[in-house]
Amino acid sequence: MSKAHVSTNSPVVQYDNPKLAMWAFLGGEVVFFISLILLIVFTRMVNGNYEADFRSLLSIPLIAVNTFVLLTSSYFVVRSLDRLHGGEAHPKGMRNNLLVVVVLGIAFLGGQAWEWMGLFRDGLSMSSTYGSAFFTVTGIHGTHVLIGLVWAVFLLVGNARRSYTERDYLSVENFGLYWHFVDVVWIALFTIIYLI
């Protein structure tokens, strides 16, 4: 039987099972992304000079800015959920912060697309040793960002139909868990691919 938080002031019931399911899903995602990170690490270990053959092609300043954009979006995810806590809920404040998350997420994907186009112009392709690992891993991460953006849009549409409240916010909270996970994965990828 699932544990529920029930308010006597509202018929809305907040269940714990969806949050547990989200944590289980994220656990699987951790294993998946560790496998992808190991793909990059082993590719570097087995093949030639990573610095000369690949990293010299990367635009670290561009991706550093892109990383800052994604991390900033996480701050606005926290703010959006915070607007539903602490006494009086502010669904409009939640919506406005979530809109900023969407804009920043789109900016991140735009920066990633810009980097990819530059790498393609420089002759890097999916058929090259480092290119195949790089495009696979960053492409899968970008797909996760895109899924998060679609989720955020659904939350915005849901908020337009009925406002989330202090007692009814689990979908926003689960989105936050997912988005923060995607950010943490990017920090790991940025460190391993661009900095080390």
N, C-alpha and C. Protein backbone atom coordinates (compact mmCIF):
# COMPACT_ATOMS: atom_id res chain seq x y z
N MET A 1 0.84 -1.18 0.00
CA MET A 1 0.00 0.00 0.00
C MET A 1 0.88 1.24 0.00
N SER A 2 0.59 2.16 -0.87
CA SER A 2 1.44 3.35 -0.95
C SER A 2 1.11 4.31 0.17
N LYS A 3 2.15 4.97 0.62
CA LYS A 3 1.97 6.00 1.65
C LYS A 3 1.46 7.26 0.98
N ALA A 4 0.51 7.90 1.59
CA ALA A 4 -0.06 9.10 0.99
C ALA A 4 -0.08 10.23 2.00
N HIS A 5 0.08 11.43 1.50
CA HIS A 5 -0.05 12.62 2.31
C HIS A 5 -1.40 13.24 1.98
N VAL A 6 -2.30 13.28 2.94
CA VAL A 6 -3.64 13.77 2.68
C VAL A 6 -3.87 15.01 3.53
N SER A 7 -4.37 16.04 2.91
CA SER A 7 -4.71 17.26 3.63
C SER A 7 -6.21 17.27 3.88
N THR A 8 -6.60 17.70 5.07
CA THR A 8 -8.03 17.79 5.36
C THR A 8 -8.66 18.96 4.62
N ASN A 9 -7.85 19.90 4.13
CA ASN A 9 -8.36 21.06 3.41
C ASN A 9 -8.57 20.81 1.93
N SER A 10 -8.05 19.70 1.43
CA SER A 10 -8.09 19.48 -0.01
C SER A 10 -8.27 18.00 -0.31
N PRO A 11 -9.02 17.69 -1.37
CA PRO A 11 -9.19 16.28 -1.74
C PRO A 11 -7.98 15.72 -2.49
N VAL A 12 -7.00 16.56 -2.81
CA VAL A 12 -5.84 16.12 -3.58
C VAL A 12 -4.96 15.23 -2.72
N VAL A 13 -4.56 14.08 -3.25
CA VAL A 13 -3.70 13.14 -2.53
C VAL A 13 -2.34 13.11 -3.22
N GLN A 14 -1.28 13.21 -2.44
CA GLN A 14 0.09 13.21 -2.98
C GLN A 14 0.71 11.84 -2.69
N TYR A 15 0.94 11.01 -3.71
CA TYR A 15 1.45 9.67 -3.51
C TYR A 15 2.97 9.64 -3.59
N ASP A 16 3.58 8.72 -2.82
CA ASP A 16 5.02 8.55 -2.83
C ASP A 16 5.49 7.62 -3.94
N ASN A 17 4.64 6.71 -4.41
CA ASN A 17 5.06 5.73 -5.40
C ASN A 17 5.62 6.33 -6.67
N PRO A 18 5.03 7.40 -7.24
CA PRO A 18 5.63 7.99 -8.45
C PRO A 18 7.04 8.52 -8.20
N LYS A 19 7.30 9.05 -7.01
CA LYS A 19 8.65 9.55 -6.71
C LYS A 19 9.62 8.38 -6.60
N LEU A 20 9.19 7.30 -5.98
CA LEU A 20 10.03 6.09 -5.88
C LEU A 20 10.33 5.55 -7.28
N ALA A 21 9.31 5.56 -8.14
CA ALA A 21 9.51 5.10 -9.52
C ALA A 21 10.51 5.99 -10.25
N MET A 22 10.46 7.30 -9.99
CA MET A 22 11.41 8.21 -10.62
C MET A 22 12.83 7.91 -10.15
N TRP A 23 13.01 7.67 -8.85
CA TRP A 23 14.35 7.34 -8.35
C TRP A 23 14.85 6.02 -8.95
N ALA A 24 13.95 5.05 -9.11
CA ALA A 24 14.35 3.78 -9.74
C ALA A 24 14.75 4.00 -11.19
N PHE A 25 13.99 4.82 -11.90
CA PHE A 25 14.32 5.14 -13.29
C PHE A 25 15.68 5.82 -13.37
N LEU A 26 15.92 6.79 -12.48
CA LEU A 26 17.20 7.51 -12.50
C LEU A 26 18.36 6.57 -12.14
N GLY A 27 18.10 5.59 -11.29
CA GLY A 27 19.13 4.59 -11.00
C GLY A 27 19.54 3.83 -12.25
N GLY A 28 18.56 3.46 -13.05
CA GLY A 28 18.86 2.81 -14.33
C GLY A 28 19.62 3.73 -15.28
N GLU A 29 19.25 5.00 -15.27
CA GLU A 29 19.94 5.99 -16.10
C GLU A 29 21.39 6.18 -15.67
N VAL A 30 21.65 6.09 -14.37
CA VAL A 30 23.03 6.19 -13.88
C VAL A 30 23.87 5.07 -14.48
N VAL A 31 23.35 3.85 -14.44
CA VAL A 31 24.07 2.71 -15.01
C VAL A 31 24.29 2.93 -16.51
N PHE A 32 23.28 3.40 -17.20
CA PHE A 32 23.37 3.63 -18.64
C PHE A 32 24.45 4.66 -18.97
N PHE A 33 24.44 5.79 -18.26
CA PHE A 33 25.42 6.83 -18.56
C PHE A 33 26.83 6.46 -18.10
N ILE A 34 26.94 5.67 -17.04
CA ILE A 34 28.27 5.19 -16.66
C ILE A 34 28.84 4.33 -17.79
N SER A 35 28.00 3.53 -18.41
CA SER A 35 28.45 2.72 -19.56
C SER A 35 28.93 3.61 -20.70
N LEU A 36 28.20 4.70 -20.96
CA LEU A 36 28.60 5.61 -22.03
C LEU A 36 29.91 6.33 -21.69
N ILE A 37 30.06 6.73 -20.44
CA ILE A 37 31.29 7.40 -20.02
C ILE A 37 32.47 6.43 -20.15
N LEU A 38 32.25 5.18 -19.78
CA LEU A 38 33.32 4.18 -19.93
C LEU A 38 33.67 3.98 -21.41
N LEU A 39 32.71 4.13 -22.29
CA LEU A 39 32.98 4.05 -23.74
C LEU A 39 34.01 5.12 -24.12
N ILE A 40 33.82 6.34 -23.64
CA ILE A 40 34.76 7.42 -23.94
C ILE A 40 36.13 7.12 -23.32
N VAL A 41 36.13 6.69 -22.07
CA VAL A 41 37.40 6.42 -21.37
C VAL A 41 38.17 5.32 -22.08
N PHE A 42 37.50 4.23 -22.43
CA PHE A 42 38.20 3.11 -23.09
C PHE A 42 38.65 3.49 -24.49
N THR A 43 37.86 4.30 -25.18
CA THR A 43 38.27 4.76 -26.52
C THR A 43 39.57 5.56 -26.41
N ARG A 44 39.67 6.39 -25.41
CA ARG A 44 40.88 7.18 -25.20
C ARG A 44 42.06 6.30 -24.82
N MET A 45 41.81 5.27 -24.00
CA MET A 45 42.90 4.40 -23.56
C MET A 45 43.46 3.54 -24.69
N VAL A 46 42.58 3.08 -25.57
CA VAL A 46 42.98 2.13 -26.61
C VAL A 46 43.58 2.83 -27.83
N ASN A 47 43.11 4.03 -28.11
CA ASN A 47 43.52 4.70 -29.35
C ASN A 47 44.56 5.78 -29.10
N GLY A 48 44.96 6.43 -30.20
CA GLY A 48 46.10 7.36 -30.20
C GLY A 48 46.01 8.56 -29.29
N ASN A 49 46.66 9.59 -29.67
CA ASN A 49 46.80 10.80 -28.88
C ASN A 49 45.49 11.59 -28.89
N TYR A 50 44.79 11.56 -27.77
CA TYR A 50 43.48 12.21 -27.66
C TYR A 50 43.59 13.71 -27.87
N GLU A 51 44.61 14.31 -27.27
CA GLU A 51 44.77 15.77 -27.37
C GLU A 51 44.96 16.21 -28.81
N ALA A 52 45.88 15.57 -29.51
CA ALA A 52 46.19 15.98 -30.88
C ALA A 52 45.11 15.55 -31.87
N ASP A 53 44.57 14.34 -31.67
CA ASP A 53 43.63 13.79 -32.64
C ASP A 53 42.20 14.30 -32.49
N PHE A 54 41.84 14.73 -31.29
CA PHE A 54 40.43 15.08 -31.08
C PHE A 54 40.20 16.35 -30.27
N ARG A 55 40.76 16.41 -29.06
CA ARG A 55 40.40 17.53 -28.18
C ARG A 55 40.79 18.88 -28.76
N SER A 56 41.80 18.92 -29.60
CA SER A 56 42.19 20.19 -30.22
C SER A 56 41.08 20.74 -31.13
N LEU A 57 40.15 19.87 -31.55
CA LEU A 57 39.04 20.30 -32.40
C LEU A 57 37.90 20.91 -31.59
N LEU A 58 37.85 20.63 -30.30
CA LEU A 58 36.73 21.05 -29.46
C LEU A 58 36.85 22.53 -29.08
N SER A 59 35.70 23.18 -28.97
CA SER A 59 35.65 24.58 -28.55
C SER A 59 35.30 24.65 -27.07
N ILE A 60 36.33 24.61 -26.22
CA ILE A 60 36.10 24.58 -24.79
C ILE A 60 35.40 25.86 -24.30
N PRO A 61 35.77 27.06 -24.77
CA PRO A 61 35.03 28.25 -24.32
C PRO A 61 33.53 28.19 -24.64
N LEU A 62 33.18 27.73 -25.85
CA LEU A 62 31.78 27.61 -26.22
C LEU A 62 31.05 26.66 -25.29
N ILE A 63 31.65 25.51 -25.03
CA ILE A 63 30.97 24.51 -24.21
C ILE A 63 31.00 24.90 -22.74
N ALA A 64 31.99 25.67 -22.32
CA ALA A 64 31.97 26.18 -20.94
C ALA A 64 30.77 27.10 -20.75
N VAL A 65 30.51 27.96 -21.73
CA VAL A 65 29.33 28.83 -21.66
C VAL A 65 28.06 27.98 -21.70
N ASN A 66 28.06 26.98 -22.56
CA ASN A 66 26.91 26.08 -22.66
C ASN A 66 26.66 25.36 -21.33
N THR A 67 27.73 24.96 -20.68
CA THR A 67 27.61 24.29 -19.38
C THR A 67 27.02 25.25 -18.35
N PHE A 68 27.47 26.49 -18.35
CA PHE A 68 26.92 27.50 -17.44
C PHE A 68 25.42 27.70 -17.70
N VAL A 69 25.03 27.69 -18.97
CA VAL A 69 23.61 27.84 -19.33
C VAL A 69 22.79 26.70 -18.73
N LEU A 70 23.30 25.47 -18.86
CA LEU A 70 22.55 24.32 -18.34
C LEU A 70 22.49 24.34 -16.82
N LEU A 71 23.59 24.71 -16.17
CA LEU A 71 23.59 24.78 -14.72
C LEU A 71 22.65 25.88 -14.22
N THR A 72 22.61 26.99 -14.94
CA THR A 72 21.69 28.06 -14.58
C THR A 72 20.24 27.60 -14.69
N SER A 73 19.97 26.77 -15.68
CA SER A 73 18.60 26.26 -15.83
C SER A 73 18.19 25.44 -14.60
N SER A 74 19.15 24.73 -14.00
CA SER A 74 18.84 23.96 -12.79
C SER A 74 18.44 24.87 -11.64
N TYR A 75 19.07 26.03 -11.56
CA TYR A 75 18.70 27.01 -10.54
C TYR A 75 17.24 27.42 -10.70
N PHE A 76 16.81 27.63 -11.94
CA PHE A 76 15.43 28.04 -12.18
C PHE A 76 14.44 26.90 -11.96
N VAL A 77 14.91 25.65 -12.11
CA VAL A 77 14.06 24.51 -11.74
C VAL A 77 13.79 24.54 -10.24
N VAL A 78 14.84 24.80 -9.45
CA VAL A 78 14.68 24.90 -8.00
C VAL A 78 13.73 26.03 -7.66
N ARG A 79 13.87 27.17 -8.31
CA ARG A 79 13.00 28.31 -8.06
C ARG A 79 11.54 27.99 -8.42
N SER A 80 11.34 27.25 -9.51
CA SER A 80 9.97 26.93 -9.91
C SER A 80 9.29 26.07 -8.85
N LEU A 81 10.01 25.08 -8.32
CA LEU A 81 9.42 24.24 -7.27
C LEU A 81 9.26 25.03 -5.98
N ASP A 82 10.21 25.90 -5.69
CA ASP A 82 10.15 26.72 -4.48
C ASP A 82 8.90 27.61 -4.46
N ARG A 83 8.44 28.00 -5.63
CA ARG A 83 7.25 28.86 -5.71
C ARG A 83 5.98 28.11 -5.31
N LEU A 84 6.07 26.77 -5.17
CA LEU A 84 4.91 25.98 -4.76
C LEU A 84 5.00 25.57 -3.29
N HIS A 85 6.06 25.99 -2.61
CA HIS A 85 6.27 25.63 -1.20
C HIS A 85 6.19 26.86 -0.31
N GLY A 86 6.18 26.62 0.97
CA GLY A 86 6.33 27.70 1.93
C GLY A 86 5.11 28.58 2.09
N GLY A 87 4.02 27.97 2.43
CA GLY A 87 2.83 28.78 2.67
C GLY A 87 2.01 28.93 1.40
N GLU A 88 1.88 30.17 0.95
CA GLU A 88 1.04 30.44 -0.21
C GLU A 88 1.75 30.04 -1.50
N ALA A 89 1.11 29.21 -2.30
CA ALA A 89 1.70 28.78 -3.58
C ALA A 89 1.53 29.89 -4.62
N HIS A 90 2.50 29.97 -5.51
CA HIS A 90 2.48 30.97 -6.58
C HIS A 90 2.65 30.25 -7.93
N PRO A 91 1.56 29.69 -8.46
CA PRO A 91 1.66 28.96 -9.73
C PRO A 91 2.21 29.82 -10.87
N LYS A 92 1.91 31.13 -10.85
CA LYS A 92 2.43 32.00 -11.90
C LYS A 92 3.95 32.11 -11.79
N GLY A 93 4.47 32.20 -10.57
CA GLY A 93 5.91 32.22 -10.38
C GLY A 93 6.56 30.93 -10.83
N MET A 94 5.88 29.80 -10.53
CA MET A 94 6.37 28.50 -11.00
C MET A 94 6.44 28.48 -12.52
N ARG A 95 5.38 28.97 -13.15
CA ARG A 95 5.32 28.98 -14.61
C ARG A 95 6.42 29.84 -15.20
N ASN A 96 6.63 31.03 -14.66
CA ASN A 96 7.64 31.93 -15.20
C ASN A 96 9.04 31.34 -15.09
N ASN A 97 9.34 30.71 -13.96
CA ASN A 97 10.65 30.08 -13.80
C ASN A 97 10.82 28.89 -14.75
N LEU A 98 9.74 28.15 -14.94
CA LEU A 98 9.80 27.01 -15.85
C LEU A 98 9.99 27.48 -17.29
N LEU A 99 9.40 28.61 -17.64
CA LEU A 99 9.62 29.18 -18.98
C LEU A 99 11.10 29.52 -19.19
N VAL A 100 11.76 30.03 -18.15
CA VAL A 100 13.19 30.32 -18.24
C VAL A 100 13.97 29.02 -18.45
N VAL A 101 13.56 27.96 -17.77
CA VAL A 101 14.22 26.66 -17.95
C VAL A 101 14.11 26.21 -19.41
N VAL A 102 12.95 26.36 -19.99
CA VAL A 102 12.75 25.96 -21.39
C VAL A 102 13.67 26.78 -22.31
N VAL A 103 13.72 28.09 -22.09
CA VAL A 103 14.57 28.94 -22.93
C VAL A 103 16.04 28.54 -22.79
N LEU A 104 16.49 28.32 -21.55
CA LEU A 104 17.88 27.94 -21.34
C LEU A 104 18.18 26.55 -21.90
N GLY A 105 17.23 25.64 -21.79
CA GLY A 105 17.42 24.30 -22.37
C GLY A 105 17.55 24.36 -23.88
N ILE A 106 16.72 25.19 -24.51
CA ILE A 106 16.83 25.37 -25.97
C ILE A 106 18.16 26.00 -26.33
N ALA A 107 18.61 26.96 -25.51
CA ALA A 107 19.92 27.59 -25.76
C ALA A 107 21.04 26.56 -25.65
N PHE A 108 20.95 25.65 -24.67
CA PHE A 108 21.96 24.60 -24.52
C PHE A 108 22.00 23.72 -25.76
N LEU A 109 20.84 23.28 -26.21
CA LEU A 109 20.80 22.43 -27.41
C LEU A 109 21.31 23.19 -28.63
N GLY A 110 21.01 24.49 -28.71
CA GLY A 110 21.54 25.31 -29.81
C GLY A 110 23.05 25.37 -29.77
N GLY A 111 23.63 25.52 -28.58
CA GLY A 111 25.08 25.54 -28.45
C GLY A 111 25.69 24.21 -28.85
N GLN A 112 25.03 23.13 -28.46
CA GLN A 112 25.53 21.81 -28.84
C GLN A 112 25.45 21.61 -30.35
N ALA A 113 24.36 22.05 -30.97
CA ALA A 113 24.23 21.94 -32.43
C ALA A 113 25.31 22.77 -33.13
N TRP A 114 25.59 23.95 -32.59
CA TRP A 114 26.63 24.82 -33.16
C TRP A 114 27.99 24.12 -33.10
N GLU A 115 28.27 23.49 -31.96
CA GLU A 115 29.54 22.76 -31.83
C GLU A 115 29.60 21.61 -32.83
N TRP A 116 28.53 20.86 -32.94
CA TRP A 116 28.52 19.73 -33.88
C TRP A 116 28.76 20.20 -35.31
N MET A 117 28.10 21.28 -35.70
CA MET A 117 28.30 21.79 -37.08
C MET A 117 29.76 22.16 -37.31
N GLY A 118 30.40 22.79 -36.32
CA GLY A 118 31.80 23.13 -36.44
C GLY A 118 32.68 21.90 -36.55
N LEU A 119 32.36 20.87 -35.79
CA LEU A 119 33.15 19.63 -35.86
C LEU A 119 32.96 18.94 -37.21
N PHE A 120 31.74 18.94 -37.73
CA PHE A 120 31.52 18.37 -39.06
C PHE A 120 32.29 19.14 -40.12
N ARG A 121 32.31 20.48 -39.99
CA ARG A 121 33.09 21.30 -40.95
C ARG A 121 34.58 20.99 -40.87
N ASP A 122 35.05 20.66 -39.67
CA ASP A 122 36.47 20.34 -39.50
C ASP A 122 36.81 18.91 -39.92
N GLY A 123 35.81 18.17 -40.39
CA GLY A 123 36.06 16.84 -40.92
C GLY A 123 35.82 15.70 -39.95
N LEU A 124 35.36 16.00 -38.73
CA LEU A 124 35.06 14.93 -37.79
C LEU A 124 33.75 14.27 -38.18
N SER A 125 33.70 12.97 -38.16
CA SER A 125 32.48 12.27 -38.56
C SER A 125 32.18 11.14 -37.61
N MET A 126 30.99 10.57 -37.76
CA MET A 126 30.58 9.43 -36.94
C MET A 126 31.44 8.20 -37.22
N SER A 127 32.08 8.17 -38.38
CA SER A 127 32.89 7.00 -38.72
C SER A 127 34.28 7.04 -38.10
N SER A 128 34.69 8.19 -37.56
CA SER A 128 36.01 8.27 -36.93
C SER A 128 35.96 7.69 -35.53
N THR A 129 37.11 7.29 -35.03
CA THR A 129 37.17 6.62 -33.72
C THR A 129 36.60 7.50 -32.61
N TYR A 130 37.15 8.70 -32.47
CA TYR A 130 36.68 9.58 -31.40
C TYR A 130 35.32 10.19 -31.74
N GLY A 131 35.07 10.45 -33.01
CA GLY A 131 33.81 11.04 -33.42
C GLY A 131 32.62 10.16 -33.08
N SER A 132 32.76 8.85 -33.31
CA SER A 132 31.63 7.96 -33.04
C SER A 132 31.28 7.95 -31.56
N ALA A 133 32.30 7.88 -30.70
CA ALA A 133 32.03 7.89 -29.26
C ALA A 133 31.48 9.25 -28.82
N PHE A 134 32.08 10.34 -29.32
CA PHE A 134 31.66 11.68 -28.91
C PHE A 134 30.22 11.97 -29.34
N PHE A 135 29.91 11.76 -30.61
CA PHE A 135 28.56 12.07 -31.10
C PHE A 135 27.51 11.17 -30.47
N THR A 136 27.87 9.93 -30.19
CA THR A 136 26.91 9.02 -29.54
C THR A 136 26.58 9.50 -28.14
N VAL A 137 27.62 9.76 -27.35
CA VAL A 137 27.40 10.12 -25.94
C VAL A 137 26.74 11.49 -25.81
N THR A 138 27.27 12.49 -26.51
CA THR A 138 26.67 13.83 -26.39
C THR A 138 25.30 13.88 -27.05
N GLY A 139 25.10 13.07 -28.09
CA GLY A 139 23.78 13.02 -28.73
C GLY A 139 22.73 12.41 -27.82
N ILE A 140 23.10 11.36 -27.09
CA ILE A 140 22.15 10.74 -26.16
C ILE A 140 21.85 11.70 -25.02
N HIS A 141 22.88 12.40 -24.54
CA HIS A 141 22.62 13.40 -23.50
C HIS A 141 21.70 14.51 -24.02
N GLY A 142 21.97 14.99 -25.24
CA GLY A 142 21.12 16.02 -25.83
C GLY A 142 19.68 15.56 -25.98
N THR A 143 19.51 14.28 -26.29
CA THR A 143 18.15 13.72 -26.39
C THR A 143 17.46 13.77 -25.03
N HIS A 144 18.23 13.51 -23.98
CA HIS A 144 17.65 13.61 -22.63
C HIS A 144 17.25 15.04 -22.31
N VAL A 145 18.04 16.01 -22.74
CA VAL A 145 17.68 17.41 -22.54
C VAL A 145 16.39 17.72 -23.30
N LEU A 146 16.29 17.23 -24.54
CA LEU A 146 15.09 17.46 -25.34
C LEU A 146 13.86 16.84 -24.67
N ILE A 147 14.00 15.64 -24.13
CA ILE A 147 12.89 15.00 -23.41
C ILE A 147 12.49 15.86 -22.22
N GLY A 148 13.48 16.40 -21.51
CA GLY A 148 13.18 17.29 -20.39
C GLY A 148 12.43 18.53 -20.82
N LEU A 149 12.80 19.07 -21.98
CA LEU A 149 12.10 20.26 -22.49
C LEU A 149 10.65 19.94 -22.82
N VAL A 150 10.41 18.80 -23.43
CA VAL A 150 9.04 18.39 -23.74
C VAL A 150 8.25 18.22 -22.44
N TRP A 151 8.88 17.62 -21.45
CA TRP A 151 8.24 17.44 -20.14
C TRP A 151 7.89 18.80 -19.53
N ALA A 152 8.83 19.75 -19.60
CA ALA A 152 8.57 21.09 -19.06
C ALA A 152 7.39 21.77 -19.76
N VAL A 153 7.30 21.59 -21.07
CA VAL A 153 6.18 22.16 -21.82
C VAL A 153 4.87 21.52 -21.36
N PHE A 154 4.87 20.22 -21.14
CA PHE A 154 3.66 19.56 -20.63
C PHE A 154 3.28 20.11 -19.25
N LEU A 155 4.28 20.38 -18.42
CA LEU A 155 3.98 20.97 -17.11
C LEU A 155 3.37 22.36 -17.27
N LEU A 156 3.89 23.12 -18.21
CA LEU A 156 3.34 24.46 -18.46
C LEU A 156 1.90 24.38 -18.96
N VAL A 157 1.64 23.43 -19.85
CA VAL A 157 0.27 23.24 -20.35
C VAL A 157 -0.64 22.81 -19.20
N GLY A 158 -0.14 21.88 -18.36
CA GLY A 158 -0.92 21.44 -17.21
C GLY A 158 -1.21 22.58 -16.25
N ASN A 159 -0.24 23.46 -16.06
CA ASN A 159 -0.43 24.61 -15.16
C ASN A 159 -1.45 25.59 -15.74
N ALA A 160 -1.53 25.67 -17.05
CA ALA A 160 -2.52 26.55 -17.68
C ALA A 160 -3.93 26.01 -17.47
N ARG A 161 -4.06 24.68 -17.41
CA ARG A 161 -5.38 24.08 -17.23
C ARG A 161 -5.84 24.12 -15.78
N ARG A 162 -4.91 23.82 -14.88
CA ARG A 162 -5.18 23.88 -13.44
C ARG A 162 -3.86 24.14 -12.74
N SER A 163 -3.84 25.09 -11.87
CA SER A 163 -2.60 25.49 -11.22
C SER A 163 -2.12 24.42 -10.25
N TYR A 164 -0.81 24.17 -10.25
CA TYR A 164 -0.22 23.31 -9.23
C TYR A 164 -0.27 24.04 -7.90
N THR A 165 -0.34 23.28 -6.84
CA THR A 165 -0.45 23.87 -5.51
C THR A 165 0.62 23.28 -4.60
N GLU A 166 0.62 23.77 -3.36
CA GLU A 166 1.57 23.26 -2.37
C GLU A 166 1.32 21.79 -2.07
N ARG A 167 0.07 21.33 -2.27
CA ARG A 167 -0.27 19.94 -2.01
C ARG A 167 -0.25 19.07 -3.26
N ASP A 168 -0.11 19.68 -4.41
CA ASP A 168 -0.20 18.95 -5.68
C ASP A 168 0.94 19.42 -6.59
N TYR A 169 2.12 18.91 -6.34
CA TYR A 169 3.29 19.39 -7.07
C TYR A 169 4.23 18.27 -7.50
N LEU A 170 3.82 17.01 -7.32
CA LEU A 170 4.73 15.89 -7.53
C LEU A 170 5.28 15.85 -8.95
N SER A 171 4.46 16.19 -9.93
CA SER A 171 4.95 16.15 -11.32
C SER A 171 6.06 17.18 -11.52
N VAL A 172 5.96 18.32 -10.86
CA VAL A 172 7.02 19.34 -10.95
C VAL A 172 8.27 18.84 -10.24
N GLU A 173 8.08 18.21 -9.10
CA GLU A 173 9.22 17.70 -8.33
C GLU A 173 9.95 16.60 -9.10
N ASN A 174 9.20 15.68 -9.70
CA ASN A 174 9.83 14.61 -10.49
C ASN A 174 10.58 15.18 -11.69
N PHE A 175 10.00 16.19 -12.32
CA PHE A 175 10.72 16.86 -13.41
C PHE A 175 12.04 17.43 -12.90
N GLY A 176 12.01 18.05 -11.72
CA GLY A 176 13.22 18.62 -11.14
C GLY A 176 14.29 17.56 -10.91
N LEU A 177 13.89 16.40 -10.39
CA LEU A 177 14.85 15.31 -10.19
C LEU A 177 15.50 14.91 -11.51
N TYR A 178 14.68 14.77 -12.54
CA TYR A 178 15.19 14.39 -13.86
C TYR A 178 16.14 15.45 -14.41
N TRP A 179 15.74 16.71 -14.32
CA TRP A 179 16.55 17.79 -14.90
C TRP A 179 17.90 17.92 -14.18
N HIS A 180 17.88 17.80 -12.86
CA HIS A 180 19.14 17.87 -12.11
C HIS A 180 20.05 16.69 -12.47
N PHE A 181 19.45 15.52 -12.67
CA PHE A 181 20.25 14.37 -13.10
C PHE A 181 20.92 14.64 -14.43
N VAL A 182 20.17 15.18 -15.38
CA VAL A 182 20.73 15.49 -16.70
C VAL A 182 21.88 16.50 -16.56
N ASP A 183 21.75 17.46 -15.67
CA ASP A 183 22.81 18.43 -15.43
C ASP A 183 24.06 17.78 -14.84
N VAL A 184 23.87 16.90 -13.86
CA VAL A 184 25.01 16.21 -13.24
C VAL A 184 25.74 15.36 -14.27
N VAL A 185 24.99 14.68 -15.12
CA VAL A 185 25.61 13.88 -16.18
C VAL A 185 26.45 14.78 -17.09
N TRP A 186 25.91 15.97 -17.42
CA TRP A 186 26.66 16.86 -18.30
C TRP A 186 27.96 17.34 -17.64
N ILE A 187 27.92 17.60 -16.35
CA ILE A 187 29.14 18.01 -15.65
C ILE A 187 30.20 16.91 -15.78
N ALA A 188 29.78 15.65 -15.61
CA ALA A 188 30.71 14.53 -15.76
C ALA A 188 31.25 14.46 -17.20
N LEU A 189 30.37 14.62 -18.19
CA LEU A 189 30.80 14.55 -19.58
C LEU A 189 31.72 15.72 -19.92
N PHE A 190 31.38 16.90 -19.47
CA PHE A 190 32.19 18.09 -19.73
C PHE A 190 33.60 17.90 -19.15
N THR A 191 33.66 17.38 -17.95
CA THR A 191 34.96 17.16 -17.31
C THR A 191 35.79 16.14 -18.05
N ILE A 192 35.18 15.01 -18.39
CA ILE A 192 35.93 13.91 -19.02
C ILE A 192 36.29 14.21 -20.46
N ILE A 193 35.36 14.79 -21.21
CA ILE A 193 35.61 15.02 -22.64
C ILE A 193 36.44 16.28 -22.89
N TYR A 194 36.13 17.34 -22.17
CA TYR A 194 36.72 18.65 -22.51
C TYR A 194 37.89 19.06 -21.62
N LEU A 195 37.90 18.61 -20.37
CA LEU A 195 38.88 19.16 -19.44
C LEU A 195 40.04 18.21 -19.11
N ILE A 196 39.76 16.92 -19.01
CA ILE A 196 40.81 15.97 -18.61
C ILE A 196 41.59 15.47 -19.82
